[in-house]
C-alpha atoms as a PDB file:
ATOM      1  CA  MET A   1     -14.134  -8.791  15.192  1.00  0.00           C
ATOM      2  CA  LEU A   2     -17.151  -6.809  14.016  1.00  0.00           C
ATOM      3  CA  GLY A   3     -20.418  -6.077  15.737  1.00  0.00           C
ATOM      4  CA  GLU A   4     -23.812  -6.656  14.121  1.00  0.00           C
ATOM      5  CA  ASP A   5     -23.764  -3.070  12.861  1.00  0.00           C
ATOM      6  CA  GLY A   6     -20.304  -3.559  11.315  1.00  0.00           C
ATOM      7  CA  ALA A   7     -18.478  -1.519  13.959  1.00  0.00           C
ATOM      8  CA  PRO A   8     -15.039  -2.895  14.906  1.00  0.00           C
ATOM      9  CA  LEU A   9     -15.001  -4.462  18.375  1.00  0.00           C
ATOM     10  CA  GLY A  10     -11.430  -5.698  18.605  1.00  0.00           C
ATOM     11  CA  LEU A  11      -8.651  -7.769  17.061  1.00  0.00           C
ATOM     12  CA  ASP A  12      -7.885 -11.418  17.633  1.00  0.00           C
ATOM     13  CA  GLY A  13      -5.341 -13.917  16.375  1.00  0.00           C
ATOM     14  CA  LEU A  14      -2.584 -11.313  16.387  1.00  0.00           C
ATOM     15  CA  ARG A  15       1.015 -12.458  16.053  1.00  0.00           C
ATOM     16  CA  THR A  16       4.242 -10.472  15.920  1.00  0.00           C
ATOM     17  CA  GLY A  17       7.776 -11.374  14.931  1.00  0.00           C
ATOM     18  CA  ARG A  18      10.659 -10.747  12.593  1.00  0.00           C
ATOM     19  CA  LEU A  19      10.417 -11.295   8.854  1.00  0.00           C
ATOM     20  CA  ARG A  20      12.936 -13.791   7.493  1.00  0.00           C
ATOM     21  CA  ASP A  21      15.306 -14.140   4.566  1.00  0.00           C
ATOM     22  CA  GLY A  22      15.419 -16.974   2.038  1.00  0.00           C
ATOM     23  CA  SER A  23      17.170 -19.324   4.452  1.00  0.00           C
ATOM     24  CA  GLY A  24      14.671 -18.672   7.237  1.00  0.00           C
ATOM     25  CA  ALA A  25      16.999 -16.491   9.328  1.00  0.00           C
ATOM     26  CA  PRO A  26      15.525 -13.293  10.807  1.00  0.00           C
ATOM     27  CA  LEU A  27      16.271 -10.202   8.752  1.00  0.00           C
ATOM     28  CA  PRO A  28      18.729  -7.875  10.508  1.00  0.00           C
ATOM     29  CA  ARG A  29      17.107  -4.733  11.811  1.00  0.00           C
ATOM     30  CA  GLY A  30      17.457  -1.461   9.920  1.00  0.00           C
ATOM     31  CA  TYR A  31      18.510  -1.250   6.295  1.00  0.00           C
ATOM     32  CA  ALA A  32      17.508  -4.816   5.321  1.00  0.00           C
ATOM     33  CA  ALA A  33      14.197  -4.974   7.197  1.00  0.00           C
ATOM     34  CA  ASP A  34      12.297  -1.767   6.370  1.00  0.00           C
ATOM     35  CA  ALA A  35       9.061  -3.440   5.228  1.00  0.00           C
ATOM     36  CA  GLU A  36       6.506  -0.981   3.854  1.00  0.00           C
ATOM     37  CA  ALA A  37       3.861  -2.786   1.764  1.00  0.00           C
ATOM     38  CA  LEU A  38       1.942  -6.033   2.094  1.00  0.00           C
ATOM     39  CA  ALA A  39      -0.195  -7.886  -0.461  1.00  0.00           C
ATOM     40  CA  ARG A  40      -1.447 -11.446  -0.924  1.00  0.00           C
ATOM     41  CA  LEU A  41      -1.614 -13.676  -3.980  1.00  0.00           C
ATOM     42  CA  ALA A  42      -4.553 -15.971  -4.721  1.00  0.00           C
ATOM     43  CA  ASP A  43      -2.545 -19.018  -3.579  1.00  0.00           C
ATOM     44  CA  GLY A  44      -1.972 -17.469  -0.142  1.00  0.00           C
ATOM     45  CA  THR A  45       1.586 -16.274  -0.761  1.00  0.00           C
ATOM     46  CA  TRP A  46       2.357 -12.997   0.993  1.00  0.00           C
ATOM     47  CA  LEU A  47       4.280 -10.289  -0.846  1.00  0.00           C
ATOM     48  CA  VAL A  48       6.295  -7.767   1.159  1.00  0.00           C
ATOM     49  CA  ALA A  49       7.874  -4.668  -0.380  1.00  0.00           C
ATOM     50  CA  PHE A  50      10.878  -3.067   1.313  1.00  0.00           C
ATOM     51  CA  GLU A  51      12.523   0.328   1.005  1.00  0.00           C
ATOM     52  CA  ARG A  52      16.022   1.559   1.744  1.00  0.00           C
ATOM     53  CA  TRP A  53      17.119  -1.739   0.214  1.00  0.00           C
ATOM     54  CA  HIS A  54      14.439  -1.646  -2.492  1.00  0.00           C
ATOM     55  CA  ARG A  55      13.073  -5.126  -3.238  1.00  0.00           C
ATOM     56  CA  ILE A  56      10.087  -7.486  -2.961  1.00  0.00           C
ATOM     57  CA  ARG A  57      10.094 -10.803  -1.096  1.00  0.00           C
ATOM     58  CA  ALA A  58       7.503 -13.580  -1.418  1.00  0.00           C
ATOM     59  CA  TYR A  59       6.498 -15.689   1.594  1.00  0.00           C
ATOM     60  CA  PRO A  60       4.676 -18.823   0.343  1.00  0.00           C
ATOM     61  CA  ARG A  61       4.623 -20.536   3.771  1.00  0.00           C
ATOM     62  CA  GLY A  62       3.363 -17.565   5.757  1.00  0.00           C
ATOM     63  CA  LEU A  63       5.010 -14.453   7.099  1.00  0.00           C
ATOM     64  CA  ASP A  64       6.916 -16.451   9.719  1.00  0.00           C
ATOM     65  CA  GLY A  65       8.584 -18.603   7.050  1.00  0.00           C
ATOM     66  CA  PRO A  66      11.426 -17.983   4.581  1.00  0.00           C
ATOM     67  CA  GLY A  67      10.969 -15.272   1.986  1.00  0.00           C
ATOM     68  CA  GLY A  68      12.563 -15.409  -1.444  1.00  0.00           C
ATOM     69  CA  TYR A  69      13.175 -12.587  -3.889  1.00  0.00           C
ATOM     70  CA  VAL A  70      10.870 -11.820  -6.801  1.00  0.00           C
ATOM     71  CA  ALA A  71      11.825  -9.574  -9.688  1.00  0.00           C
ATOM     72  CA  ALA A  72      11.040  -5.991  -8.688  1.00  0.00           C
ATOM     73  CA  PRO A  73       9.756  -3.431 -11.202  1.00  0.00           C
ATOM     74  CA  PRO A  74      12.576  -2.076 -13.392  1.00  0.00           C
ATOM     75  CA  GLY A  75      13.867   1.278 -12.188  1.00  0.00           C
ATOM     76  CA  LEU A  76      12.790   0.788  -8.577  1.00  0.00           C
ATOM     77  CA  GLU A  77      16.449   0.774  -7.574  1.00  0.00           C
ATOM     78  CA  ARG A  78      16.578   4.499  -8.417  1.00  0.00           C
ATOM     79  CA  ALA A  79      14.011   5.398  -5.757  1.00  0.00           C
ATOM     80  CA  PRO A  80      15.176   7.644  -2.904  1.00  0.00           C
ATOM     81  CA  ARG A  81      16.477   5.697   0.074  1.00  0.00           C
ATOM     82  CA  ASN A  82      13.424   6.251   2.271  1.00  0.00           C
ATOM     83  CA  ALA A  83      10.777   6.717  -0.429  1.00  0.00           C
ATOM     84  CA  GLY A  84      10.545   3.430  -2.303  1.00  0.00           C
ATOM     85  CA  LEU A  85       7.721   0.967  -2.842  1.00  0.00           C
ATOM     86  CA  GLU A  86       5.091   1.958  -0.273  1.00  0.00           C
ATOM     87  CA  ALA A  87       2.050   0.730  -2.226  1.00  0.00           C
ATOM     88  CA  LEU A  88       1.628  -2.813  -3.550  1.00  0.00           C
ATOM     89  CA  ALA A  89      -1.683  -4.504  -4.400  1.00  0.00           C
ATOM     90  CA  VAL A  90      -2.731  -7.696  -6.175  1.00  0.00           C
ATOM     91  CA  LEU A  91      -5.704  -6.755  -8.347  1.00  0.00           C
ATOM     92  CA  ALA A  92      -8.810  -8.876  -8.808  1.00  0.00           C
ATOM     93  CA  ASP A  93      -7.469 -10.277 -12.112  1.00  0.00           C
ATOM     94  CA  GLY A  94      -4.123 -11.268 -10.550  1.00  0.00           C
ATOM     95  CA  ARG A  95      -1.997  -8.417 -11.872  1.00  0.00           C
ATOM     96  CA  TRP A  96       0.126  -6.467  -9.426  1.00  0.00           C
ATOM     97  CA  LEU A  97      -0.105  -2.693  -8.986  1.00  0.00           C
ATOM     98  CA  ALA A  98       2.958  -1.027  -7.490  1.00  0.00           C
ATOM     99  CA  VAL A  99       3.427   2.684  -6.721  1.00  0.00           C
ATOM    100  CA  ALA A 100       6.627   4.288  -5.413  1.00  0.00           C
ATOM    101  CA  GLU A 101       6.417   6.936  -2.728  1.00  0.00           C
ATOM    102  CA  GLY A 102       9.057   9.348  -3.958  1.00  0.00           C
ATOM    103  CA  LEU A 103      10.307   8.223  -7.375  1.00  0.00           C
ATOM    104  CA  ALA A 104       9.156  10.527 -10.188  1.00  0.00           C
ATOM    105  CA  PRO A 105       9.191   9.641 -13.891  1.00  0.00           C
ATOM    106  CA  PRO A 106      11.839  11.557 -15.862  1.00  0.00           C
ATOM    107  CA  GLY A 107      10.782  15.161 -16.426  1.00  0.00           C
ATOM    108  CA  ALA A 108       7.599  14.856 -14.344  1.00  0.00           C
ATOM    109  CA  PRO A 109       8.391  15.789 -10.722  1.00  0.00           C
ATOM    110  CA  ALA A 110       4.699  16.101  -9.767  1.00  0.00           C
ATOM    111  CA  LEU A 111       4.027  12.448 -10.647  1.00  0.00           C
ATOM    112  CA  ARG A 112       5.111   9.199  -9.030  1.00  0.00           C
ATOM    113  CA  ARG A 113       6.434   6.147 -10.822  1.00  0.00           C
ATOM    114  CA  ALA A 114       4.022   3.191 -10.886  1.00  0.00           C
ATOM    115  CA  TRP A 115       3.915  -0.206 -12.552  1.00  0.00           C
ATOM    116  CA  ILE A 116       1.287  -2.821 -13.370  1.00  0.00           C
ATOM    117  CA  GLY A 117       1.776  -6.456 -14.312  1.00  0.00           C
ATOM    118  CA  ALA A 118       3.900  -9.121 -12.648  1.00  0.00           C
ATOM    119  CA  PRO A 119       7.581 -10.025 -12.297  1.00  0.00           C
ATOM    120  CA  GLY A 120       9.168  -9.972 -15.736  1.00  0.00           C
ATOM    121  CA  HIS A 121       6.056  -8.422 -17.314  1.00  0.00           C
ATOM    122  CA  TRP A 122       5.826  -4.919 -15.891  1.00  0.00           C
ATOM    123  CA  THR A 123       4.231  -1.986 -17.705  1.00  0.00           C
ATOM    124  CA  PRO A 124       5.595   1.362 -16.465  1.00  0.00           C
ATOM    125  CA  LEU A 125       2.927   3.884 -15.490  1.00  0.00           C
ATOM    126  CA  ALA A 126       2.714   7.164 -13.617  1.00  0.00           C
ATOM    127  CA  TYR A 127       0.514   8.118 -10.687  1.00  0.00           C
ATOM    128  CA  ARG A 128      -0.714  11.641  -9.910  1.00  0.00           C
ATOM    129  CA  PRO A 129      -1.166  12.421  -6.183  1.00  0.00           C
ATOM    130  CA  GLY A 130      -3.801  14.897  -5.099  1.00  0.00           C
ATOM    131  CA  ALA A 131      -1.270  17.605  -4.246  1.00  0.00           C
ATOM    132  CA  SER A 132       2.467  18.141  -4.358  1.00  0.00           C
ATOM    133  CA  GLU A 133       2.879  17.399  -0.660  1.00  0.00           C
ATOM    134  CA  LEU A 134       0.931  14.106  -0.791  1.00  0.00           C
ATOM    135  CA  ASP A 135       2.702  10.804  -1.422  1.00  0.00           C
ATOM    136  CA  PRO A 136       1.304   7.289  -2.007  1.00  0.00           C
ATOM    137  CA  ALA A 137       1.436   5.300   1.243  1.00  0.00           C
ATOM    138  CA  ASP A 138      -0.439   2.079   0.378  1.00  0.00           C
ATOM    139  CA  ALA A 139      -2.844   0.476  -2.093  1.00  0.00           C
ATOM    140  CA  ALA A 140      -5.544  -2.195  -1.963  1.00  0.00           C
ATOM    141  CA  PRO A 141      -7.567  -4.044  -4.620  1.00  0.00           C
ATOM    142  CA  LEU A 142     -11.333  -3.681  -4.952  1.00  0.00           C
ATOM    143  CA  PRO A 143     -13.673  -6.556  -5.861  1.00  0.00           C
ATOM    144  CA  ASP A 144     -14.755  -4.814  -9.087  1.00  0.00           C
ATOM    145  CA  GLY A 145     -11.199  -4.726 -10.471  1.00  0.00           C
ATOM    146  CA  GLY A 146     -10.375  -1.203  -9.341  1.00  0.00           C
ATOM    147  CA  ALA A 147      -8.041  -0.152  -6.567  1.00  0.00           C
ATOM    148  CA  LEU A 148      -7.757   2.168  -3.603  1.00  0.00           C
ATOM    149  CA  VAL A 149      -4.680   4.308  -2.992  1.00  0.00           C
ATOM    150  CA  LEU A 150      -3.926   5.899   0.354  1.00  0.00           C
ATOM    151  CA  GLU A 151      -1.971   9.175   0.269  1.00  0.00           C
ATOM    152  CA  ARG A 152      -0.432  11.040   3.187  1.00  0.00           C
ATOM    153  CA  SER A 153       1.656  14.087   3.999  1.00  0.00           C
ATOM    154  CA  PHE A 154       3.438  15.543   7.020  1.00  0.00           C
ATOM    155  CA  SER A 155       4.632  19.034   7.883  1.00  0.00           C
ATOM    156  CA  LEU A 156       5.628  20.672  11.146  1.00  0.00           C
ATOM    157  CA  LEU A 157       2.942  23.300  10.583  1.00  0.00           C
ATOM    158  CA  ASP A 158      -0.003  21.095   9.604  1.00  0.00           C
ATOM    159  CA  GLY A 159       1.016  17.719  11.040  1.00  0.00           C
ATOM    160  CA  PHE A 160      -0.343  14.624   9.289  1.00  0.00           C
ATOM    161  CA  ARG A 161      -2.871  14.842   6.489  1.00  0.00           C
ATOM    162  CA  GLY A 162      -4.068  12.331   3.922  1.00  0.00           C
ATOM    163  CA  ARG A 163      -6.733  11.201   1.528  1.00  0.00           C
ATOM    164  CA  LEU A 164      -8.131   7.968   0.141  1.00  0.00           C
ATOM    165  CA  VAL A 165      -8.751   7.729  -3.600  1.00  0.00           C
ATOM    166  CA  ARG A 166     -10.354   5.175  -5.893  1.00  0.00           C
ATOM    167  CA  ILE A 167      -8.922   4.193  -9.276  1.00  0.00           C
ATOM    168  CA  PRO A 168     -11.719   2.724 -11.419  1.00  0.00           C
ATOM    169  CA  ALA A 169     -11.351  -0.686 -13.003  1.00  0.00           C
ATOM    170  CA  ALA A 170     -11.550   0.841 -16.489  1.00  0.00           C
ATOM    171  CA  ALA A 171      -8.388   2.880 -15.884  1.00  0.00           C
ATOM    172  CA  LEU A 172      -6.483  -0.290 -14.960  1.00  0.00           C
ATOM    173  CA  ALA A 173      -7.949  -2.608 -17.594  1.00  0.00           C
ATOM    174  CA  ALA A 174      -5.529  -1.979 -20.472  1.00  0.00           C
ATOM    175  CA  PRO A 175      -3.047   0.781 -19.590  1.00  0.00           C
ATOM    176  CA  HIS A 176      -0.278   1.602 -22.033  1.00  0.00           C
ATOM    177  CA  PRO A 177       3.246   2.603 -21.045  1.00  0.00           C
ATOM    178  CA  GLU A 178       3.291   6.012 -19.347  1.00  0.00           C
ATOM    179  CA  THR A 179      -0.451   6.035 -18.642  1.00  0.00           C
ATOM    180  CA  VAL A 180      -1.104   8.512 -15.813  1.00  0.00           C
ATOM    181  CA  LEU A 181      -3.361   7.074 -13.121  1.00  0.00           C
ATOM    182  CA  GLU A 182      -5.417   9.549 -11.136  1.00  0.00           C
ATOM    183  CA  GLY A 183      -7.895   8.563  -8.467  1.00  0.00           C
ATOM    184  CA  GLU A 184     -11.250   9.966  -7.396  1.00  0.00           C
ATOM    185  CA  ALA A 185     -11.089  11.312  -3.837  1.00  0.00           C
ATOM    186  CA  LEU A 186     -13.325   9.329  -1.477  1.00  0.00           C
ATOM    187  CA  LEU A 187     -12.145  10.540   1.901  1.00  0.00           C
ATOM    188  CA  ARG A 188      -9.971  13.328   3.272  1.00  0.00           C
ATOM    189  CA  LEU A 189      -8.069  12.364   6.404  1.00  0.00           C
ATOM    190  CA  GLU A 190      -8.182  15.633   8.273  1.00  0.00           C
ATOM    191  CA  PRO A 191     -10.183  16.992  11.232  1.00  0.00           C
ATOM    192  CA  PRO A 192     -12.741  16.099  12.445  1.00  0.00           C
ATOM    193  CA  LEU A 193     -11.397  12.634  11.539  1.00  0.00           C
ATOM    194  CA  PRO A 194      -8.345  11.511  13.540  1.00  0.00           C
ATOM    195  CA  THR A 195      -5.088  12.678  11.973  1.00  0.00           C
ATOM    196  CA  ASP A 196      -2.038  10.485  12.242  1.00  0.00           C
ATOM    197  CA  ASN A 197       0.525   8.623  10.150  1.00  0.00           C
ATOM    198  CA  TRP A 198      -1.953   6.678   7.996  1.00  0.00           C
ATOM    199  CA  GLU A 199       0.067   4.018   6.174  1.00  0.00           C
ATOM    200  CA  GLY A 200      -2.138   0.986   5.501  1.00  0.00           C
ATOM    201  CA  VAL A 201      -5.368   0.303   3.602  1.00  0.00           C
ATOM    202  CA  ALA A 202      -7.302  -2.919   2.971  1.00  0.00           C
ATOM    203  CA  ALA A 203     -10.716  -3.753   1.517  1.00  0.00           C
ATOM    204  CA  ALA A 204     -12.912  -6.852   1.836  1.00  0.00           C
ATOM    205  CA  ARG A 205     -16.464  -7.986   1.133  1.00  0.00           C
ATOM    206  CA  ILE A 206     -18.111  -8.758   4.482  1.00  0.00           C
ATOM    207  CA  GLY A 207     -21.831  -9.180   5.081  1.00  0.00           C
ATOM    208  CA  GLY A 208     -22.729  -8.033   1.578  1.00  0.00           C
ATOM    209  CA  ARG A 209     -20.770  -4.772   1.915  1.00  0.00           C
ATOM    210  CA  THR A 210     -17.291  -3.640   0.893  1.00  0.00           C
ATOM    211  CA  LEU A 211     -15.504  -2.564   4.065  1.00  0.00           C
ATOM    212  CA  VAL A 212     -12.342  -0.460   3.953  1.00  0.00           C
ATOM    213  CA  ALA A 213      -9.876  -0.447   6.838  1.00  0.00           C
ATOM    214  CA  LEU A 214      -7.202   2.201   7.414  1.00  0.00           C
ATOM    215  CA  VAL A 215      -4.375   1.767   9.905  1.00  0.00           C
ATOM    216  CA  SER A 216      -1.785   4.236  11.169  1.00  0.00           C
ATOM    217  CA  ASP A 217       1.811   3.563  12.215  1.00  0.00           C
ATOM    218  CA  ASP A 218       2.998   5.108  15.477  1.00  0.00           C
ATOM    219  CA  ASN A 219       6.705   4.593  14.588  1.00  0.00           C
ATOM    220  CA  GLU A 220       7.185   3.640  18.251  1.00  0.00           C
ATOM    221  CA  SER A 221       6.833   7.345  19.070  1.00  0.00           C
ATOM    222  CA  PRO A 222       4.896   8.643  22.098  1.00  0.00           C
ATOM    223  CA  LEU A 223       3.664  11.497  19.891  1.00  0.00           C
ATOM    224  CA  GLN A 224       1.875   9.159  17.448  1.00  0.00           C
ATOM    225  CA  ARG A 225      -0.838   6.525  17.721  1.00  0.00           C
ATOM    226  CA  THR A 226      -1.731   3.216  16.129  1.00  0.00           C
ATOM    227  CA  LEU A 227      -5.342   3.672  15.010  1.00  0.00           C
ATOM    228  CA  LEU A 228      -7.813   1.617  12.995  1.00  0.00           C
ATOM    229  CA  LEU A 229     -10.653   3.208  11.036  1.00  0.00           C
ATOM    230  CA  LEU A 230     -13.330   1.174   9.284  1.00  0.00           C
ATOM    231  CA  PHE A 231     -15.637   2.496   6.556  1.00  0.00           C
ATOM    232  CA  ALA A 232     -18.290   1.037   4.244  1.00  0.00           C
ATOM    233  CA  LEU A 233     -17.712   1.772   0.553  1.00  0.00           C
ATOM    234  CA  ASP A 234     -20.931   2.184  -1.403  1.00  0.00           C
ATOM    235  CA  GLY A 235     -21.367   0.997  -4.959  1.00  0.00           C
ATOM    236  CA  VAL A 236     -18.692  -1.721  -4.981  1.00  0.00           C
END
């Protein structure tokens, strides 16, 4: 719920529960249920990307219904166990943008493997984070055909840091294999802004403005928090 000035007032209609497999049975906790990315198709189908067991499931009847497999981007199976598909977005034209957290293209350790297209029609790309310690944590489509990518890092010395970048529509319009995507920094998630494990980003047109929401994951740890930040994005 938003106030008249666009400030977030609270959340309603929340539901929690276990994601399910193709037969409708709850996924077993741990290896099979490490969901990391969420996106939605135009027909209402939810897409969920998992790591550890790297795959994508589609939930046409809602997130409390059965979820079948869709063909994941080729090469995703080579991603590190806990650094797979963290960012998945359905762009304004219906194509999917996927970015792996810790999988680098061959011979390019500073880049991250990315793909654009759809199951069976993927074009392999690369994504350049803002710094070596930053990794893609989520992505969201923009109404103009571009995309947002959320990056984050963690160290014992500096704690959590992150940034939000914008990839223009022109860079996504007709990429060729091995195109390197690089976003324009919009926001640095460091003091005085709250610092935490920022893992989710979404964008929507509301009241004539493009609003961007960021959410953090507390990992069920007393040392972390679940936070929601809301920003207005000019020019989109």
